[in-house]
mmCIF file of all heavy atoms, coordinates in Angstrom:
data_MODEL
# 
_entry.id   MODEL 
# 
loop_
_atom_site.group_PDB 
_atom_site.id 
_atom_site.type_symbol 
_atom_site.label_atom_id 
_atom_site.label_alt_id 
_atom_site.label_comp_id 
_atom_site.label_asym_id 
_atom_site.label_entity_id 
_atom_site.label_seq_id 
_atom_site.pdbx_PDB_ins_code 
_atom_site.Cartn_x 
_atom_site.Cartn_y 
_atom_site.Cartn_z 
_atom_site.occupancy 
_atom_site.B_iso_or_equiv 
_atom_site.pdbx_formal_charge 
_atom_site.auth_seq_id 
_atom_site.auth_comp_id 
_atom_site.auth_asym_id 
_atom_site.auth_atom_id 
_atom_site.pdbx_PDB_model_num 
ATOM 1   N N   . VAL A 1 1  ? 10.194 -46.413 69.582 1.00 0.00 ? 1  VAL A N   1 
ATOM 2   C CA  . VAL A 1 1  ? 9.376  -47.586 69.251 1.00 0.00 ? 1  VAL A CA  1 
ATOM 3   C C   . VAL A 1 1  ? 10.272 -48.754 68.850 1.00 0.00 ? 1  VAL A C   1 
ATOM 4   O O   . VAL A 1 1  ? 10.040 -49.896 69.260 1.00 0.00 ? 1  VAL A O   1 
ATOM 5   C CB  . VAL A 1 1  ? 8.366  -47.261 68.128 1.00 0.00 ? 1  VAL A CB  1 
ATOM 6   C CG1 . VAL A 1 1  ? 7.714  -48.521 67.582 1.00 0.00 ? 1  VAL A CG1 1 
ATOM 7   C CG2 . VAL A 1 1  ? 7.303  -46.304 68.638 1.00 0.00 ? 1  VAL A CG2 1 
ATOM 8   N N   . GLY A 1 2  ? 11.305 -48.477 68.083 1.00 0.00 ? 2  GLY A N   1 
ATOM 9   C CA  . GLY A 1 2  ? 12.227 -49.547 67.684 1.00 0.00 ? 2  GLY A CA  1 
ATOM 10  C C   . GLY A 1 2  ? 12.919 -50.171 68.879 1.00 0.00 ? 2  GLY A C   1 
ATOM 11  O O   . GLY A 1 2  ? 13.023 -51.401 68.977 1.00 0.00 ? 2  GLY A O   1 
ATOM 12  N N   . ALA A 1 3  ? 13.377 -49.339 69.808 1.00 0.00 ? 3  ALA A N   1 
ATOM 13  C CA  . ALA A 1 3  ? 14.028 -49.857 71.012 1.00 0.00 ? 3  ALA A CA  1 
ATOM 14  C C   . ALA A 1 3  ? 13.038 -50.643 71.866 1.00 0.00 ? 3  ALA A C   1 
ATOM 15  O O   . ALA A 1 3  ? 13.361 -51.725 72.375 1.00 0.00 ? 3  ALA A O   1 
ATOM 16  C CB  . ALA A 1 3  ? 14.638 -48.711 71.813 1.00 0.00 ? 3  ALA A CB  1 
ATOM 17  N N   . ALA A 1 4  ? 11.827 -50.119 72.007 1.00 0.00 ? 4  ALA A N   1 
ATOM 18  C CA  . ALA A 1 4  ? 10.807 -50.813 72.799 1.00 0.00 ? 4  ALA A CA  1 
ATOM 19  C C   . ALA A 1 4  ? 10.445 -52.144 72.162 1.00 0.00 ? 4  ALA A C   1 
ATOM 20  O O   . ALA A 1 4  ? 10.204 -53.135 72.866 1.00 0.00 ? 4  ALA A O   1 
ATOM 21  C CB  . ALA A 1 4  ? 9.562  -49.936 72.949 1.00 0.00 ? 4  ALA A CB  1 
ATOM 22  N N   . GLY A 1 5  ? 10.435 -52.197 70.845 1.00 0.00 ? 5  GLY A N   1 
ATOM 23  C CA  . GLY A 1 5  ? 10.114 -53.434 70.142 1.00 0.00 ? 5  GLY A CA  1 
ATOM 24  C C   . GLY A 1 5  ? 11.143 -54.529 70.363 1.00 0.00 ? 5  GLY A C   1 
ATOM 25  O O   . GLY A 1 5  ? 10.834 -55.713 70.245 1.00 0.00 ? 5  GLY A O   1 
ATOM 26  N N   . LEU A 1 6  ? 12.356 -54.135 70.696 1.00 0.00 ? 6  LEU A N   1 
ATOM 27  C CA  . LEU A 1 6  ? 13.402 -55.122 70.964 1.00 0.00 ? 6  LEU A CA  1 
ATOM 28  C C   . LEU A 1 6  ? 13.234 -55.782 72.329 1.00 0.00 ? 6  LEU A C   1 
ATOM 29  O O   . LEU A 1 6  ? 13.689 -56.909 72.533 1.00 0.00 ? 6  LEU A O   1 
ATOM 30  C CB  . LEU A 1 6  ? 14.783 -54.469 70.882 1.00 0.00 ? 6  LEU A CB  1 
ATOM 31  C CG  . LEU A 1 6  ? 15.209 -53.990 69.501 1.00 0.00 ? 6  LEU A CG  1 
ATOM 32  C CD1 . LEU A 1 6  ? 16.515 -53.219 69.596 1.00 0.00 ? 6  LEU A CD1 1 
ATOM 33  C CD2 . LEU A 1 6  ? 15.341 -55.163 68.539 1.00 0.00 ? 6  LEU A CD2 1 
ATOM 34  N N   . VAL A 1 7  ? 12.601 -55.083 73.265 1.00 0.00 ? 7  VAL A N   1 
ATOM 35  C CA  . VAL A 1 7  ? 12.520 -55.612 74.626 1.00 0.00 ? 7  VAL A CA  1 
ATOM 36  C C   . VAL A 1 7  ? 11.112 -55.998 75.058 1.00 0.00 ? 7  VAL A C   1 
ATOM 37  O O   . VAL A 1 7  ? 10.950 -56.800 75.963 1.00 0.00 ? 7  VAL A O   1 
ATOM 38  C CB  . VAL A 1 7  ? 13.108 -54.610 75.650 1.00 0.00 ? 7  VAL A CB  1 
ATOM 39  C CG1 . VAL A 1 7  ? 14.579 -54.380 75.387 1.00 0.00 ? 7  VAL A CG1 1 
ATOM 40  C CG2 . VAL A 1 7  ? 12.360 -53.288 75.633 1.00 0.00 ? 7  VAL A CG2 1 
ATOM 41  N N   . GLU A 1 8  ? 10.097 -55.459 74.445 1.00 0.00 ? 8  GLU A N   1 
ATOM 42  C CA  . GLU A 1 8  ? 8.715  -55.695 74.873 1.00 0.00 ? 8  GLU A CA  1 
ATOM 43  C C   . GLU A 1 8  ? 7.989  -56.549 73.847 1.00 0.00 ? 8  GLU A C   1 
ATOM 44  O O   . GLU A 1 8  ? 8.000  -56.237 72.667 1.00 0.00 ? 8  GLU A O   1 
ATOM 45  C CB  . GLU A 1 8  ? 7.996  -54.368 75.051 1.00 0.00 ? 8  GLU A CB  1 
ATOM 46  C CG  . GLU A 1 8  ? 6.614  -54.481 75.608 1.00 0.00 ? 8  GLU A CG  1 
ATOM 47  C CD  . GLU A 1 8  ? 6.556  -55.185 76.949 1.00 0.00 ? 8  GLU A CD  1 
ATOM 48  O OE1 . GLU A 1 8  ? 7.250  -54.763 77.888 1.00 0.00 ? 8  GLU A OE1 1 
ATOM 49  O OE2 . GLU A 1 8  ? 5.797  -56.173 77.046 1.00 0.00 ? 8  GLU A OE2 1 
ATOM 50  N N   . ARG A 1 9  ? 7.344  -57.611 74.305 1.00 0.00 ? 9  ARG A N   1 
ATOM 51  C CA  . ARG A 1 9  ? 6.688  -58.537 73.389 1.00 0.00 ? 9  ARG A CA  1 
ATOM 52  C C   . ARG A 1 9  ? 5.188  -58.709 73.647 1.00 0.00 ? 9  ARG A C   1 
ATOM 53  O O   . ARG A 1 9  ? 4.527  -59.432 72.920 1.00 0.00 ? 9  ARG A O   1 
ATOM 54  C CB  . ARG A 1 9  ? 7.348  -59.913 73.478 1.00 0.00 ? 9  ARG A CB  1 
ATOM 55  C CG  . ARG A 1 9  ? 8.824  -59.890 73.189 1.00 0.00 ? 9  ARG A CG  1 
ATOM 56  C CD  . ARG A 1 9  ? 9.064  -60.165 71.738 1.00 0.00 ? 9  ARG A CD  1 
ATOM 57  N NE  . ARG A 1 9  ? 10.500 -60.288 71.507 1.00 0.00 ? 9  ARG A NE  1 
ATOM 58  C CZ  . ARG A 1 9  ? 11.129 -59.625 70.574 1.00 0.00 ? 9  ARG A CZ  1 
ATOM 59  N NH1 . ARG A 1 9  ? 10.471 -58.816 69.789 1.00 0.00 ? 9  ARG A NH1 1 
ATOM 60  N NH2 . ARG A 1 9  ? 12.403 -59.766 70.393 1.00 0.00 ? 9  ARG A NH2 1 
ATOM 61  N N   . SER A 1 10 ? 4.641  -58.072 74.667 1.00 0.00 ? 10 SER A N   1 
ATOM 62  C CA  . SER A 1 10 ? 3.222  -58.292 74.981 1.00 0.00 ? 10 SER A CA  1 
ATOM 63  C C   . SER A 1 10 ? 2.333  -57.684 73.900 1.00 0.00 ? 10 SER A C   1 
ATOM 64  O O   . SER A 1 10 ? 2.694  -56.712 73.239 1.00 0.00 ? 10 SER A O   1 
ATOM 65  C CB  . SER A 1 10 ? 2.876  -57.695 76.345 1.00 0.00 ? 10 SER A CB  1 
ATOM 66  O OG  . SER A 1 10 ? 2.830  -56.278 76.277 1.00 0.00 ? 10 SER A OG  1 
ATOM 67  N N   . ALA A 1 11 ? 1.153  -58.270 73.740 1.00 0.00 ? 11 ALA A N   1 
ATOM 68  C CA  . ALA A 1 11 ? 0.208  -57.797 72.722 1.00 0.00 ? 11 ALA A CA  1 
ATOM 69  C C   . ALA A 1 11 ? -0.231 -56.364 73.007 1.00 0.00 ? 11 ALA A C   1 
ATOM 70  O O   . ALA A 1 11 ? -0.371 -55.559 72.081 1.00 0.00 ? 11 ALA A O   1 
ATOM 71  C CB  . ALA A 1 11 ? -0.992 -58.726 72.662 1.00 0.00 ? 11 ALA A CB  1 
ATOM 72  N N   . ARG A 1 12 ? -0.450 -56.044 74.254 1.00 0.00 ? 12 ARG A N   1 
ATOM 73  C CA  . ARG A 1 12 ? -0.878 -54.687 74.610 1.00 0.00 ? 12 ARG A CA  1 
ATOM 74  C C   . ARG A 1 12 ? 0.201  -53.663 74.259 1.00 0.00 ? 12 ARG A C   1 
ATOM 75  O O   . ARG A 1 12 ? -0.081 -52.614 73.684 1.00 0.00 ? 12 ARG A O   1 
ATOM 76  C CB  . ARG A 1 12 ? -1.221 -54.624 76.087 1.00 0.00 ? 12 ARG A CB  1 
ATOM 77  C CG  . ARG A 1 12 ? -1.739 -53.282 76.506 1.00 0.00 ? 12 ARG A CG  1 
ATOM 78  C CD  . ARG A 1 12 ? -2.135 -53.276 77.958 1.00 0.00 ? 12 ARG A CD  1 
ATOM 79  N NE  . ARG A 1 12 ? -2.585 -51.939 78.302 1.00 0.00 ? 12 ARG A NE  1 
ATOM 80  C CZ  . ARG A 1 12 ? -3.395 -51.674 79.256 1.00 0.00 ? 12 ARG A CZ  1 
ATOM 81  N NH1 . ARG A 1 12 ? -3.870 -52.632 80.010 1.00 0.00 ? 12 ARG A NH1 1 
ATOM 82  N NH2 . ARG A 1 12 ? -3.752 -50.434 79.513 1.00 0.00 ? 12 ARG A NH2 1 
ATOM 83  N N   . ALA A 1 13 ? 1.447  -53.971 74.601 1.00 0.00 ? 13 ALA A N   1 
ATOM 84  C CA  . ALA A 1 13 ? 2.548  -53.060 74.288 1.00 0.00 ? 13 ALA A CA  1 
ATOM 85  C C   . ALA A 1 13 ? 2.708  -52.915 72.776 1.00 0.00 ? 13 ALA A C   1 
ATOM 86  O O   . ALA A 1 13 ? 2.959  -51.823 72.278 1.00 0.00 ? 13 ALA A O   1 
ATOM 87  C CB  . ALA A 1 13 ? 3.849  -53.562 74.914 1.00 0.00 ? 13 ALA A CB  1 
ATOM 88  N N   . ARG A 1 14 ? 2.556  -54.008 72.050 1.00 0.00 ? 14 ARG A N   1 
ATOM 89  C CA  . ARG A 1 14 ? 2.681  -53.935 70.588 1.00 0.00 ? 14 ARG A CA  1 
ATOM 90  C C   . ARG A 1 14 ? 1.591  -53.075 69.976 1.00 0.00 ? 14 ARG A C   1 
ATOM 91  O O   . ARG A 1 14 ? 1.827  -52.387 68.995 1.00 0.00 ? 14 ARG A O   1 
ATOM 92  C CB  . ARG A 1 14 ? 2.672  -55.334 69.981 1.00 0.00 ? 14 ARG A CB  1 
ATOM 93  C CG  . ARG A 1 14 ? 3.967  -56.070 70.231 1.00 0.00 ? 14 ARG A CG  1 
ATOM 94  C CD  . ARG A 1 14 ? 3.944  -57.436 69.560 1.00 0.00 ? 14 ARG A CD  1 
ATOM 95  N NE  . ARG A 1 14 ? 5.226  -58.066 69.703 1.00 0.00 ? 14 ARG A NE  1 
ATOM 96  C CZ  . ARG A 1 14 ? 6.186  -58.009 68.780 1.00 0.00 ? 14 ARG A CZ  1 
ATOM 97  N NH1 . ARG A 1 14 ? 6.000  -57.359 67.679 1.00 0.00 ? 14 ARG A NH1 1 
ATOM 98  N NH2 . ARG A 1 14 ? 7.333  -58.612 68.984 1.00 0.00 ? 14 ARG A NH2 1 
ATOM 99  N N   . ALA A 1 15 ? 0.398  -53.097 70.547 1.00 0.00 ? 15 ALA A N   1 
ATOM 100 C CA  . ALA A 1 15 ? -0.678 -52.233 70.049 1.00 0.00 ? 15 ALA A CA  1 
ATOM 101 C C   . ALA A 1 15 ? -0.313 -50.764 70.245 1.00 0.00 ? 15 ALA A C   1 
ATOM 102 O O   . ALA A 1 15 ? -0.485 -49.946 69.333 1.00 0.00 ? 15 ALA A O   1 
ATOM 103 C CB  . ALA A 1 15 ? -1.991 -52.559 70.761 1.00 0.00 ? 15 ALA A CB  1 
ATOM 104 N N   . TRP A 1 16 ? 0.208  -50.425 71.411 1.00 0.00 ? 16 TRP A N   1 
ATOM 105 C CA  . TRP A 1 16 ? 0.633  -49.041 71.666 1.00 0.00 ? 16 TRP A CA  1 
ATOM 106 C C   . TRP A 1 16 ? 1.815  -48.652 70.793 1.00 0.00 ? 16 TRP A C   1 
ATOM 107 O O   . TRP A 1 16 ? 1.900  -47.524 70.314 1.00 0.00 ? 16 TRP A O   1 
ATOM 108 C CB  . TRP A 1 16 ? 0.960  -48.841 73.145 1.00 0.00 ? 16 TRP A CB  1 
ATOM 109 C CG  . TRP A 1 16 ? -0.273 -48.707 73.981 1.00 0.00 ? 16 TRP A CG  1 
ATOM 110 C CD1 . TRP A 1 16 ? -0.791 -49.642 74.834 1.00 0.00 ? 16 TRP A CD1 1 
ATOM 111 C CD2 . TRP A 1 16 ? -1.165 -47.588 74.012 1.00 0.00 ? 16 TRP A CD2 1 
ATOM 112 N NE1 . TRP A 1 16 ? -1.949 -49.165 75.389 1.00 0.00 ? 16 TRP A NE1 1 
ATOM 113 C CE2 . TRP A 1 16 ? -2.196 -47.910 74.905 1.00 0.00 ? 16 TRP A CE2 1 
ATOM 114 C CE3 . TRP A 1 16 ? -1.185 -46.357 73.374 1.00 0.00 ? 16 TRP A CE3 1 
ATOM 115 C CZ2 . TRP A 1 16 ? -3.240 -47.039 75.184 1.00 0.00 ? 16 TRP A CZ2 1 
ATOM 116 C CZ3 . TRP A 1 16 ? -2.237 -45.487 73.657 1.00 0.00 ? 16 TRP A CZ3 1 
ATOM 117 C CH2 . TRP A 1 16 ? -3.246 -45.825 74.546 1.00 0.00 ? 16 TRP A CH2 1 
ATOM 118 N N   . MET A 1 17 ? 2.730  -49.613 70.579 1.00 0.00 ? 17 MET A N   1 
ATOM 119 C CA  . MET A 1 17 ? 3.869  -49.323 69.707 1.00 0.00 ? 17 MET A CA  1 
ATOM 120 C C   . MET A 1 17 ? 3.413  -49.100 68.272 1.00 0.00 ? 17 MET A C   1 
ATOM 121 O O   . MET A 1 17 ? 3.961  -48.262 67.563 1.00 0.00 ? 17 MET A O   1 
ATOM 122 C CB  . MET A 1 17 ? 4.903  -50.452 69.771 1.00 0.00 ? 17 MET A CB  1 
ATOM 123 C CG  . MET A 1 17 ? 5.703  -50.471 71.063 1.00 0.00 ? 17 MET A CG  1 
ATOM 124 S SD  . MET A 1 17 ? 7.048  -51.671 71.053 1.00 0.00 ? 17 MET A SD  1 
ATOM 125 C CE  . MET A 1 17 ? 6.162  -53.189 71.327 1.00 0.00 ? 17 MET A CE  1 
ATOM 126 N N   . GLY A 1 18 ? 2.400  -49.839 67.841 1.00 0.00 ? 18 GLY A N   1 
ATOM 127 C CA  . GLY A 1 18 ? 1.851  -49.640 66.496 1.00 0.00 ? 18 GLY A CA  1 
ATOM 128 C C   . GLY A 1 18 ? 1.269  -48.253 66.339 1.00 0.00 ? 18 GLY A C   1 
ATOM 129 O O   . GLY A 1 18 ? 1.487  -47.583 65.318 1.00 0.00 ? 18 GLY A O   1 
ATOM 130 N N   . LEU A 1 19 ? 0.546  -47.803 67.360 1.00 0.00 ? 19 LEU A N   1 
ATOM 131 C CA  . LEU A 1 19 ? -0.013 -46.453 67.334 1.00 0.00 ? 19 LEU A CA  1 
ATOM 132 C C   . LEU A 1 19 ? 1.101  -45.408 67.312 1.00 0.00 ? 19 LEU A C   1 
ATOM 133 O O   . LEU A 1 19 ? 1.075  -44.478 66.502 1.00 0.00 ? 19 LEU A O   1 
ATOM 134 C CB  . LEU A 1 19 ? -0.918 -46.239 68.544 1.00 0.00 ? 19 LEU A CB  1 
ATOM 135 C CG  . LEU A 1 19 ? -1.503 -44.840 68.693 1.00 0.00 ? 19 LEU A CG  1 
ATOM 136 C CD1 . LEU A 1 19 ? -2.456 -44.533 67.549 1.00 0.00 ? 19 LEU A CD1 1 
ATOM 137 C CD2 . LEU A 1 19 ? -2.191 -44.698 70.033 1.00 0.00 ? 19 LEU A CD2 1 
ATOM 138 N N   . ALA A 1 20 ? 2.095  -45.578 68.178 1.00 0.00 ? 20 ALA A N   1 
ATOM 139 C CA  . ALA A 1 20 ? 3.207  -44.626 68.230 1.00 0.00 ? 20 ALA A CA  1 
ATOM 140 C C   . ALA A 1 20 ? 3.999  -44.621 66.919 1.00 0.00 ? 20 ALA A C   1 
ATOM 141 O O   . ALA A 1 20 ? 4.436  -43.573 66.450 1.00 0.00 ? 20 ALA A O   1 
ATOM 142 C CB  . ALA A 1 20 ? 4.127  -44.959 69.408 1.00 0.00 ? 20 ALA A CB  1 
ATOM 143 N N   . TYR A 1 21 ? 4.157  -45.799 66.320 1.00 0.00 ? 21 TYR A N   1 
ATOM 144 C CA  . TYR A 1 21 ? 4.848  -45.887 65.035 1.00 0.00 ? 21 TYR A CA  1 
ATOM 145 C C   . TYR A 1 21 ? 4.096  -45.094 63.964 1.00 0.00 ? 21 TYR A C   1 
ATOM 146 O O   . TYR A 1 21 ? 4.693  -44.349 63.190 1.00 0.00 ? 21 TYR A O   1 
ATOM 147 C CB  . TYR A 1 21 ? 4.988  -47.352 64.612 1.00 0.00 ? 21 TYR A CB  1 
ATOM 148 C CG  . TYR A 1 21 ? 5.788  -47.545 63.358 1.00 0.00 ? 21 TYR A CG  1 
ATOM 149 C CD1 . TYR A 1 21 ? 7.160  -47.658 63.404 1.00 0.00 ? 21 TYR A CD1 1 
ATOM 150 C CD2 . TYR A 1 21 ? 5.161  -47.603 62.114 1.00 0.00 ? 21 TYR A CD2 1 
ATOM 151 C CE1 . TYR A 1 21 ? 7.901  -47.827 62.247 1.00 0.00 ? 21 TYR A CE1 1 
ATOM 152 C CE2 . TYR A 1 21 ? 5.883  -47.780 60.951 1.00 0.00 ? 21 TYR A CE2 1 
ATOM 153 C CZ  . TYR A 1 21 ? 7.249  -47.887 61.027 1.00 0.00 ? 21 TYR A CZ  1 
ATOM 154 O OH  . TYR A 1 21 ? 7.971  -48.045 59.876 1.00 0.00 ? 21 TYR A OH  1 
ATOM 155 N N   . GLY A 1 22 ? 2.777  -45.252 63.926 1.00 0.00 ? 22 GLY A N   1 
ATOM 156 C CA  . GLY A 1 22 ? 1.969  -44.510 62.959 1.00 0.00 ? 22 GLY A CA  1 
ATOM 157 C C   . GLY A 1 22 ? 2.067  -43.008 63.157 1.00 0.00 ? 22 GLY A C   1 
ATOM 158 O O   . GLY A 1 22 ? 2.166  -42.249 62.195 1.00 0.00 ? 22 GLY A O   1 
ATOM 159 N N   . VAL A 1 23 ? 2.044  -42.564 64.407 1.00 0.00 ? 23 VAL A N   1 
ATOM 160 C CA  . VAL A 1 23 ? 2.178  -41.131 64.694 1.00 0.00 ? 23 VAL A CA  1 
ATOM 161 C C   . VAL A 1 23 ? 3.554  -40.634 64.257 1.00 0.00 ? 23 VAL A C   1 
ATOM 162 O O   . VAL A 1 23 ? 3.680  -39.581 63.624 1.00 0.00 ? 23 VAL A O   1 
ATOM 163 C CB  . VAL A 1 23 ? 1.942  -40.854 66.196 1.00 0.00 ? 23 VAL A CB  1 
ATOM 164 C CG1 . VAL A 1 23 ? 2.327  -39.424 66.561 1.00 0.00 ? 23 VAL A CG1 1 
ATOM 165 C CG2 . VAL A 1 23 ? 0.493  -41.121 66.567 1.00 0.00 ? 23 VAL A CG2 1 
ATOM 166 N N   . GLY A 1 24 ? 4.594  -41.399 64.562 1.00 0.00 ? 24 GLY A N   1 
ATOM 167 C CA  . GLY A 1 24 ? 5.943  -41.008 64.157 1.00 0.00 ? 24 GLY A CA  1 
ATOM 168 C C   . GLY A 1 24 ? 6.081  -40.905 62.645 1.00 0.00 ? 24 GLY A C   1 
ATOM 169 O O   . GLY A 1 24 ? 6.664  -39.949 62.127 1.00 0.00 ? 24 GLY A O   1 
ATOM 170 N N   . MET A 1 25 ? 5.533  -41.880 61.934 1.00 0.00 ? 25 MET A N   1 
ATOM 171 C CA  . MET A 1 25 ? 5.583  -41.839 60.470 1.00 0.00 ? 25 MET A CA  1 
ATOM 172 C C   . MET A 1 25 ? 4.804  -40.643 59.927 1.00 0.00 ? 25 MET A C   1 
ATOM 173 O O   . MET A 1 25 ? 5.233  -39.994 58.983 1.00 0.00 ? 25 MET A O   1 
ATOM 174 C CB  . MET A 1 25 ? 5.041  -43.137 59.873 1.00 0.00 ? 25 MET A CB  1 
ATOM 175 C CG  . MET A 1 25 ? 5.986  -44.305 60.016 1.00 0.00 ? 25 MET A CG  1 
ATOM 176 S SD  . MET A 1 25 ? 7.585  -44.038 59.229 1.00 0.00 ? 25 MET A SD  1 
ATOM 177 C CE  . MET A 1 25 ? 7.115  -43.908 57.530 1.00 0.00 ? 25 MET A CE  1 
ATOM 178 N N   . ALA A 1 26 ? 3.665  -40.344 60.540 1.00 0.00 ? 26 ALA A N   1 
ATOM 179 C CA  . ALA A 1 26 ? 2.866  -39.196 60.100 1.00 0.00 ? 26 ALA A CA  1 
ATOM 180 C C   . ALA A 1 26 ? 3.636  -37.898 60.286 1.00 0.00 ? 26 ALA A C   1 
ATOM 181 O O   . ALA A 1 26 ? 3.599  -37.011 59.428 1.00 0.00 ? 26 ALA A O   1 
ATOM 182 C CB  . ALA A 1 26 ? 1.548  -39.144 60.864 1.00 0.00 ? 26 ALA A CB  1 
ATOM 183 N N   . LEU A 1 27 ? 4.350  -37.779 61.397 1.00 0.00 ? 27 LEU A N   1 
ATOM 184 C CA  . LEU A 1 27 ? 5.149  -36.575 61.644 1.00 0.00 ? 27 LEU A CA  1 
ATOM 185 C C   . LEU A 1 27 ? 6.233  -36.409 60.584 1.00 0.00 ? 27 LEU A C   1 
ATOM 186 O O   . LEU A 1 27 ? 6.525  -35.301 60.142 1.00 0.00 ? 27 LEU A O   1 
ATOM 187 C CB  . LEU A 1 27 ? 5.776  -36.629 63.038 1.00 0.00 ? 27 LEU A CB  1 
ATOM 188 C CG  . LEU A 1 27 ? 4.812  -36.478 64.213 1.00 0.00 ? 27 LEU A CG  1 
ATOM 189 C CD1 . LEU A 1 27 ? 5.511  -36.843 65.517 1.00 0.00 ? 27 LEU A CD1 1 
ATOM 190 C CD2 . LEU A 1 27 ? 4.256  -35.070 64.265 1.00 0.00 ? 27 LEU A CD2 1 
ATOM 191 N N   . ILE A 1 28 ? 6.818  -37.509 60.166 1.00 0.00 ? 28 ILE A N   1 
ATOM 192 C CA  . ILE A 1 28 ? 7.872  -37.455 59.148 1.00 0.00 ? 28 ILE A CA  1 
ATOM 193 C C   . ILE A 1 28 ? 7.290  -37.182 57.768 1.00 0.00 ? 28 ILE A C   1 
ATOM 194 O O   . ILE A 1 28 ? 7.753  -36.294 57.046 1.00 0.00 ? 28 ILE A O   1 
ATOM 195 C CB  . ILE A 1 28 ? 8.691  -38.761 59.147 1.00 0.00 ? 28 ILE A CB  1 
ATOM 196 C CG1 . ILE A 1 28 ? 9.443  -38.903 60.474 1.00 0.00 ? 28 ILE A CG1 1 
ATOM 197 C CG2 . ILE A 1 28 ? 9.664  -38.800 57.973 1.00 0.00 ? 28 ILE A CG2 1 
ATOM 198 C CD1 . ILE A 1 28 ? 10.058 -40.271 60.689 1.00 0.00 ? 28 ILE A CD1 1 
# 
């Protein structure tokens, strides 16, 4: 997600990255 956040700026991608970030944090 961090790497994707450096290269992708679209609103749709950011929404998916937000979801993936939440899942990653939950796993940790």
